[in-house]
Amino acid sequence: MAALVAESESRLTDTPGIGAVTAARLLGRTGNPTRFPAARGEEGPAGDLQR
């Protein structure tokens, strides 16, 4: 699993407390994060959009 996360070029595992399993789950849920124009672009799909 760690190899797949590394292959995705994600930096999620640089965050304290996020290991390969959590990073893989996040990547599996959101897909390629570069599809969002900015960090705030993830709020809609995650259900966290505040109005």
PDB file of N, CA and C in Angstrom:
ATOM      1  N   MET A   1       0.821  -1.179   0.000  1.00  0.00           N
ATOM      2  CA  MET A   1       0.000   0.000   0.000  1.00  0.00           C
ATOM      3  C   MET A   1       0.874   1.255   0.000  1.00  0.00           C
ATOM      4  N   ALA A   2       1.938   1.240   0.765  1.00  0.00           N
ATOM      5  CA  ALA A   2       2.834   2.399   0.823  1.00  0.00           C
ATOM      6  C   ALA A   2       3.433   2.689  -0.546  1.00  0.00           C
ATOM      7  N   ALA A   3       3.730   1.642  -1.302  1.00  0.00           N
ATOM      8  CA  ALA A   3       4.292   1.834  -2.647  1.00  0.00           C
ATOM      9  C   ALA A   3       3.284   2.512  -3.567  1.00  0.00           C
ATOM     10  N   LEU A   4       2.002   2.156  -3.444  1.00  0.00           N
ATOM     11  CA  LEU A   4       0.973   2.783  -4.275  1.00  0.00           C
ATOM     12  C   LEU A   4       0.784   4.256  -3.930  1.00  0.00           C
ATOM     13  N   VAL A   5       0.834   4.567  -2.643  1.00  0.00           N
ATOM     14  CA  VAL A   5       0.719   5.972  -2.227  1.00  0.00           C
ATOM     15  C   VAL A   5       1.922   6.750  -2.738  1.00  0.00           C
ATOM     16  N   ALA A   6       3.109   6.187  -2.631  1.00  0.00           N
ATOM     17  CA  ALA A   6       4.321   6.850  -3.128  1.00  0.00           C
ATOM     18  C   ALA A   6       4.248   7.034  -4.634  1.00  0.00           C
ATOM     19  N   GLU A   7       3.706   6.047  -5.335  1.00  0.00           N
ATOM     20  CA  GLU A   7       3.571   6.115  -6.785  1.00  0.00           C
ATOM     21  C   GLU A   7       2.618   7.236  -7.215  1.00  0.00           C
ATOM     22  N   SER A   8       1.665   7.575  -6.363  1.00  0.00           N
ATOM     23  CA  SER A   8       0.706   8.637  -6.680  1.00  0.00           C
ATOM     24  C   SER A   8       1.311  10.034  -6.524  1.00  0.00           C
ATOM     25  N   GLU A   9       2.529  10.094  -6.001  1.00  0.00           N
ATOM     26  CA  GLU A   9       3.233  11.354  -5.749  1.00  0.00           C
ATOM     27  C   GLU A   9       2.500  12.239  -4.753  1.00  0.00           C
ATOM     28  N   SER A  10       1.711  11.617  -3.893  1.00  0.00           N
ATOM     29  CA  SER A  10       0.991  12.352  -2.864  1.00  0.00           C
ATOM     30  C   SER A  10       1.943  12.730  -1.736  1.00  0.00           C
ATOM     31  N   ARG A  11       1.669  13.861  -1.121  1.00  0.00           N
ATOM     32  CA  ARG A  11       2.455  14.296   0.030  1.00  0.00           C
ATOM     33  C   ARG A  11       1.666  14.116   1.322  1.00  0.00           C
ATOM     34  N   LEU A  12       0.587  13.356   1.265  1.00  0.00           N
ATOM     35  CA  LEU A  12      -0.244  13.156   2.452  1.00  0.00           C
ATOM     36  C   LEU A  12       0.529  12.560   3.613  1.00  0.00           C
ATOM     37  N   THR A  13       1.433  11.641   3.322  1.00  0.00           N
ATOM     38  CA  THR A  13       2.174  10.991   4.408  1.00  0.00           C
ATOM     39  C   THR A  13       3.199  11.910   5.053  1.00  0.00           C
ATOM     40  N   ASP A  14       3.398  13.102   4.490  1.00  0.00           N
ATOM     41  CA  ASP A  14       4.255  14.108   5.136  1.00  0.00           C
ATOM     42  C   ASP A  14       3.546  14.742   6.325  1.00  0.00           C
ATOM     43  N   THR A  15       2.237  14.588   6.392  1.00  0.00           N
ATOM     44  CA  THR A  15       1.440  15.155   7.468  1.00  0.00           C
ATOM     45  C   THR A  15       1.527  14.249   8.688  1.00  0.00           C
ATOM     46  N   PRO A  16       1.880  14.810   9.854  1.00  0.00           N
ATOM     47  CA  PRO A  16       1.960  13.983  11.063  1.00  0.00           C
ATOM     48  C   PRO A  16       0.636  13.261  11.329  1.00  0.00           C
ATOM     49  N   GLY A  17       0.734  11.967  11.599  1.00  0.00           N
ATOM     50  CA  GLY A  17      -0.452  11.182  11.915  1.00  0.00           C
ATOM     51  C   GLY A  17      -1.102  10.511  10.722  1.00  0.00           C
ATOM     52  N   ILE A  18      -0.642  10.819   9.505  1.00  0.00           N
ATOM     53  CA  ILE A  18      -1.207  10.184   8.313  1.00  0.00           C
ATOM     54  C   ILE A  18      -0.178   9.220   7.751  1.00  0.00           C
ATOM     55  N   GLY A  19      -0.505   7.952   7.852  1.00  0.00           N
ATOM     56  CA  GLY A  19       0.369   6.908   7.324  1.00  0.00           C
ATOM     57  C   GLY A  19      -0.139   6.422   5.979  1.00  0.00           C
ATOM     58  N   ALA A  20       0.417   5.334   5.519  1.00  0.00           N
ATOM     59  CA  ALA A  20       0.077   4.801   4.199  1.00  0.00           C
ATOM     60  C   ALA A  20      -1.390   4.387   4.105  1.00  0.00           C
ATOM     61  N   VAL A  21      -1.927   3.792   5.166  1.00  0.00           N
ATOM     62  CA  VAL A  21      -3.317   3.331   5.116  1.00  0.00           C
ATOM     63  C   VAL A  21      -4.283   4.502   5.014  1.00  0.00           C
ATOM     64  N   THR A  22      -4.102   5.513   5.860  1.00  0.00           N
ATOM     65  CA  THR A  22      -4.981   6.681   5.825  1.00  0.00           C
ATOM     66  C   THR A  22      -4.837   7.421   4.507  1.00  0.00           C
ATOM     67  N   ALA A  23      -3.614   7.590   4.034  1.00  0.00           N
ATOM     68  CA  ALA A  23      -3.389   8.266   2.755  1.00  0.00           C
ATOM     69  C   ALA A  23      -4.060   7.509   1.618  1.00  0.00           C
ATOM     70  N   ALA A  24      -3.968   6.186   1.622  1.00  0.00           N
ATOM     71  CA  ALA A  24      -4.605   5.383   0.576  1.00  0.00           C
ATOM     72  C   ALA A  24      -6.121   5.526   0.620  1.00  0.00           C
ATOM     73  N   ARG A  25      -6.682   5.573   1.807  1.00  0.00           N
ATOM     74  CA  ARG A  25      -8.136   5.755   1.931  1.00  0.00           C
ATOM     75  C   ARG A  25      -8.559   7.125   1.434  1.00  0.00           C
ATOM     76  N   LEU A  26      -7.803   8.162   1.779  1.00  0.00           N
ATOM     77  CA  LEU A  26      -8.132   9.511   1.313  1.00  0.00           C
ATOM     78  C   LEU A  26      -8.015   9.619  -0.204  1.00  0.00           C
ATOM     79  N   LEU A  27      -6.954   9.057  -0.751  1.00  0.00           N
ATOM     80  CA  LEU A  27      -6.774   9.092  -2.204  1.00  0.00           C
ATOM     81  C   LEU A  27      -7.858   8.290  -2.914  1.00  0.00           C
ATOM     82  N   GLY A  28      -8.244   7.168  -2.332  1.00  0.00           N
ATOM     83  CA  GLY A  28      -9.306   6.365  -2.919  1.00  0.00           C
ATOM     84  C   GLY A  28     -10.641   7.074  -2.893  1.00  0.00           C
ATOM     85  N   ARG A  29     -10.855   7.873  -1.881  1.00  0.00           N
ATOM     86  CA  ARG A  29     -12.128   8.600  -1.728  1.00  0.00           C
ATOM     87  C   ARG A  29     -12.200   9.824  -2.629  1.00  0.00           C
ATOM     88  N   THR A  30     -11.103  10.567  -2.725  1.00  0.00           N
ATOM     89  CA  THR A  30     -11.132  11.828  -3.478  1.00  0.00           C
ATOM     90  C   THR A  30     -10.582  11.705  -4.885  1.00  0.00           C
ATOM     91  N   GLY A  31      -9.833  10.656  -5.158  1.00  0.00           N
ATOM     92  CA  GLY A  31      -9.228  10.540  -6.482  1.00  0.00           C
ATOM     93  C   GLY A  31      -8.009  11.439  -6.587  1.00  0.00           C
ATOM     94  N   ASN A  32      -7.692  11.845  -7.780  1.00  0.00           N
ATOM     95  CA  ASN A  32      -6.513  12.676  -8.028  1.00  0.00           C
ATOM     96  C   ASN A  32      -6.764  14.096  -7.514  1.00  0.00           C
ATOM     97  N   PRO A  33      -6.028  14.534  -6.498  1.00  0.00           N
ATOM     98  CA  PRO A  33      -6.276  15.862  -5.934  1.00  0.00           C
ATOM     99  C   PRO A  33      -5.923  17.011  -6.876  1.00  0.00           C
ATOM    100  N   THR A  34      -5.160  16.751  -7.917  1.00  0.00           N
ATOM    101  CA  THR A  34      -4.819  17.834  -8.849  1.00  0.00           C
ATOM    102  C   THR A  34      -6.006  18.249  -9.702  1.00  0.00           C
ATOM    103  N   ARG A  35      -7.116  17.530  -9.628  1.00  0.00           N
ATOM    104  CA  ARG A  35      -8.298  17.921 -10.403  1.00  0.00           C
ATOM    105  C   ARG A  35      -8.995  19.124  -9.783  1.00  0.00           C
ATOM    106  N   PHE A  36      -8.642  19.456  -8.548  1.00  0.00           N
ATOM    107  CA  PHE A  36      -9.205  20.629  -7.889  1.00  0.00           C
ATOM    108  C   PHE A  36      -8.318  21.838  -8.166  1.00  0.00           C
ATOM    109  N   PRO A  37      -8.914  22.974  -8.530  1.00  0.00           N
ATOM    110  CA  PRO A  37      -8.107  24.149  -8.852  1.00  0.00           C
ATOM    111  C   PRO A  37      -7.368  24.733  -7.648  1.00  0.00           C
ATOM    112  N   ALA A  38      -7.881  24.510  -6.458  1.00  0.00           N
ATOM    113  CA  ALA A  38      -7.257  25.020  -5.239  1.00  0.00           C
ATOM    114  C   ALA A  38      -7.665  24.120  -4.080  1.00  0.00           C
ATOM    115  N   ALA A  39      -7.036  24.284  -2.957  1.00  0.00           N
ATOM    116  CA  ALA A  39      -7.359  23.462  -1.788  1.00  0.00           C
ATOM    117  C   ALA A  39      -8.831  23.590  -1.412  1.00  0.00           C
ATOM    118  N   ARG A  40      -9.406  24.765  -1.580  1.00  0.00           N
ATOM    119  CA  ARG A  40     -10.810  24.966  -1.242  1.00  0.00           C
ATOM    120  C   ARG A  40     -11.732  24.211  -2.189  1.00  0.00           C
ATOM    121  N   GLY A  41     -11.226  23.738  -3.320  1.00  0.00           N
ATOM    122  CA  GLY A  41     -12.038  23.012  -4.274  1.00  0.00           C
ATOM    123  C   GLY A  41     -12.508  21.666  -3.770  1.00  0.00           C
ATOM    124  N   GLU A  42     -11.924  21.175  -2.688  1.00  0.00           N
ATOM    125  CA  GLU A  42     -12.309  19.879  -2.155  1.00  0.00           C
ATOM    126  C   GLU A  42     -13.508  19.973  -1.226  1.00  0.00           C
ATOM    127  N   GLU A  43     -13.939  21.142  -0.864  1.00  0.00           N
ATOM    128  CA  GLU A  43     -15.001  21.270   0.102  1.00  0.00           C
ATOM    129  C   GLU A  43     -16.340  20.734  -0.411  1.00  0.00           C
ATOM    130  N   GLY A  44     -16.650  20.974  -1.672  1.00  0.00           N
ATOM    131  CA  GLY A  44     -17.918  20.509  -2.229  1.00  0.00           C
ATOM    132  C   GLY A  44     -18.041  19.001  -2.222  1.00  0.00           C
ATOM    133  N   PRO A  45     -17.115  18.270  -2.847  1.00  0.00           N
ATOM    134  CA  PRO A  45     -17.222  16.818  -2.871  1.00  0.00           C
ATOM    135  C   PRO A  45     -17.145  16.174  -1.491  1.00  0.00           C
ATOM    136  N   ALA A  46     -16.478  16.827  -0.565  1.00  0.00           N
ATOM    137  CA  ALA A  46     -16.339  16.264   0.784  1.00  0.00           C
ATOM    138  C   ALA A  46     -17.575  16.545   1.636  1.00  0.00           C
ATOM    139  N   GLY A  47     -18.480  17.376   1.139  1.00  0.00           N
ATOM    140  CA  GLY A  47     -19.686  17.713   1.885  1.00  0.00           C
ATOM    141  C   GLY A  47     -19.463  18.776   2.931  1.00  0.00           C
ATOM    142  N   ASP A  48     -18.348  19.491   2.858  1.00  0.00           N
ATOM    143  CA  ASP A  48     -18.031  20.496   3.869  1.00  0.00           C
ATOM    144  C   ASP A  48     -18.271  21.923   3.390  1.00  0.00           C
ATOM    145  N   LEU A  49     -18.982  22.078   2.317  1.00  0.00           N
ATOM    146  CA  LEU A  49     -19.195  23.403   1.747  1.00  0.00           C
ATOM    147  C   LEU A  49     -20.050  24.246   2.684  1.00  0.00           C
ATOM    148  N   GLN A  50     -19.505  25.377   3.084  1.00  0.00           N
ATOM    149  CA  GLN A  50     -20.243  26.287   3.965  1.00  0.00           C
ATOM    150  C   GLN A  50     -20.711  27.478   3.158  1.00  0.00           C
ATOM    151  N   ARG A  51     -21.908  27.873   3.402  1.00  0.00           N
ATOM    152  CA  ARG A  51     -22.464  29.035   2.675  1.00  0.00           C
ATOM    153  C   ARG A  51     -22.815  30.131   3.632  1.00  0.00           C
TER     154      ARG A  51
END
